[in-house]
């Protein structure tokens, strides 16, 4: 099997996709004409967004956890964490942790996207 896509449930798909494009340089792959589902190009695995309203209309109840208690995070790798962090903050991300050099040689930082998702910006490992 192959992980093909990850779907985040968000209140506003268009606004969320706009943020991810500006903050992390992701490109739009698909946005449904109704605006309730979209995908960003991220290599082999796509990052997708579905509106909470669409899920409810399909009879699915999705969790909307408190942002300060995340149950997952997204991680984007880059060779220049400080520059990527500045870009994310300028696009509207909230700072969680500034760029930090870790003992294993990786540089990491954390932001929170406007819809609440915790996002790690880091250098590649290994």
Protein backbone atom coordinates (compact mmCIF):
# COMPACT_ATOMS: atom_id res chain seq x y z
CA UNK A 1 0.00 0.00 0.00
CA UNK A 2 0.95 3.61 -0.43
CA UNK A 3 -0.15 6.65 1.56
CA UNK A 4 -1.90 8.71 -1.13
CA UNK A 5 -3.43 11.63 0.78
CA UNK A 6 -4.13 13.09 4.17
CA UNK A 7 -7.39 14.98 4.70
CA UNK A 8 -7.76 17.72 7.29
CA UNK A 9 -11.28 18.74 8.30
CA UNK A 10 -11.52 22.53 8.35
CA UNK A 11 -14.24 25.18 8.56
CA UNK A 12 -13.20 26.99 5.33
CA UNK A 13 -11.40 24.98 2.63
CA UNK A 14 -10.60 27.96 0.35
CA UNK A 15 -9.14 30.12 3.10
CA UNK A 16 -7.14 27.19 4.48
CA UNK A 17 -5.70 26.33 1.06
CA UNK A 18 -4.81 29.98 0.48
CA UNK A 19 -2.90 30.02 3.77
CA UNK A 20 -0.97 26.81 2.98
CA UNK A 21 -0.04 28.20 -0.45
CA UNK A 22 1.26 31.47 1.00
CA UNK A 23 2.86 30.00 4.13
CA UNK A 24 4.52 26.89 2.72
CA UNK A 25 4.57 27.39 -1.06
CA UNK A 26 2.21 24.49 -1.77
CA UNK A 27 0.46 24.46 -5.13
CA UNK A 28 -3.23 23.93 -5.72
CA UNK A 29 -3.86 20.54 -7.31
CA UNK A 30 -7.66 20.50 -7.18
CA UNK A 31 -10.52 22.49 -5.68
CA UNK A 32 -14.07 21.23 -6.10
CA UNK A 33 -16.43 23.79 -7.62
CA UNK A 34 -18.52 23.80 -4.43
CA UNK A 35 -15.44 24.74 -2.40
CA UNK A 36 -15.92 21.96 0.17
CA UNK A 37 -12.95 19.80 -0.89
CA UNK A 38 -9.51 20.54 -2.25
CA UNK A 39 -6.01 19.10 -2.62
CA UNK A 40 -2.54 20.63 -2.55
CA UNK A 41 0.37 19.14 -4.50
CA UNK A 42 3.00 17.88 -2.04
CA UNK A 43 4.82 15.19 -4.00
CA UNK A 44 3.54 11.62 -3.99
CA UNK A 45 1.25 12.21 -1.02
CA UNK A 46 -1.36 14.94 -1.32
CA UNK A 47 -2.52 17.24 1.46
CA UNK A 48 -6.29 17.52 1.18
CA UNK A 49 -8.91 19.59 2.97
CA UNK A 50 -12.59 18.87 3.47
CA UNK A 51 -15.08 21.18 5.07
CA UNK A 52 -16.57 20.13 8.38
CA UNK A 53 -19.97 21.01 6.89
CA UNK A 54 -19.46 18.54 4.03
CA UNK A 55 -18.58 15.75 6.45
CA UNK A 56 -21.66 16.53 8.54
CA UNK A 57 -23.84 16.49 5.42
CA UNK A 58 -22.48 12.98 4.72
CA UNK A 59 -23.45 11.87 8.23
CA UNK A 60 -19.90 11.88 9.59
CA UNK A 61 -19.11 13.56 12.88
CA UNK A 62 -15.52 14.77 12.91
CA UNK A 63 -13.45 15.78 15.90
CA UNK A 64 -12.62 19.43 16.33
CA UNK A 65 -10.03 19.16 19.11
CA UNK A 66 -8.78 22.17 21.02
CA UNK A 67 -5.74 23.57 19.13
CA UNK A 68 -3.63 23.64 22.29
CA UNK A 69 -3.98 19.83 22.54
CA UNK A 70 -3.10 18.50 19.07
CA UNK A 71 -3.37 14.80 18.31
CA UNK A 72 -1.15 15.09 15.21
CA UNK A 73 1.10 17.50 13.34
CA UNK A 74 2.15 18.12 9.77
CA UNK A 75 5.86 18.39 9.03
CA UNK A 76 7.41 20.23 6.08
CA UNK A 77 11.13 19.89 5.39
CA UNK A 78 13.37 22.64 4.09
CA UNK A 79 17.06 23.45 4.04
CA UNK A 80 16.38 26.93 5.49
CA UNK A 81 14.13 26.69 8.55
CA UNK A 82 14.53 30.34 9.67
CA UNK A 83 13.48 31.67 6.23
CA UNK A 84 10.56 29.23 6.01
CA UNK A 85 9.48 30.23 9.51
CA UNK A 86 9.47 33.93 8.56
CA UNK A 87 7.34 33.12 5.49
CA UNK A 88 4.83 31.11 7.53
CA UNK A 89 4.51 33.84 10.15
CA UNK A 90 4.03 36.51 7.47
CA UNK A 91 1.21 34.41 6.01
CA UNK A 92 -0.62 34.34 9.34
CA UNK A 93 0.77 31.35 11.24
CA UNK A 94 1.16 31.68 15.00
CA UNK A 95 4.59 30.98 16.47
CA UNK A 96 4.75 27.96 18.77
CA UNK A 97 8.54 27.44 18.85
CA UNK A 98 11.30 29.30 17.07
CA UNK A 99 14.05 27.61 15.06
CA UNK A 100 16.00 25.30 17.37
CA UNK A 101 19.04 23.14 16.62
CA UNK A 102 18.50 19.65 18.00
CA UNK A 103 21.25 17.36 19.37
CA UNK A 104 20.76 14.91 16.47
CA UNK A 105 21.60 17.63 13.92
CA UNK A 106 18.13 18.63 12.78
CA UNK A 107 16.77 22.18 12.98
CA UNK A 108 13.09 22.40 13.91
CA UNK A 109 10.43 25.02 14.53
CA UNK A 110 6.68 24.90 15.11
CA UNK A 111 3.78 27.11 14.08
CA UNK A 112 0.03 26.82 14.35
CA UNK A 113 -1.99 27.32 11.16
CA UNK A 114 -5.06 29.58 11.40
CA UNK A 115 -7.42 26.55 11.44
CA UNK A 116 -5.47 25.13 14.40
CA UNK A 117 -3.15 22.53 12.86
CA UNK A 118 0.29 22.21 14.47
CA UNK A 119 2.95 22.42 11.74
CA UNK A 120 6.61 21.51 12.13
CA UNK A 121 9.08 23.22 9.81
CA UNK A 122 12.33 21.26 9.88
CA UNK A 123 15.44 20.22 8.04
CA UNK A 124 15.46 16.71 6.59
CA UNK A 125 16.70 13.89 8.80
CA UNK A 126 19.37 11.35 7.92
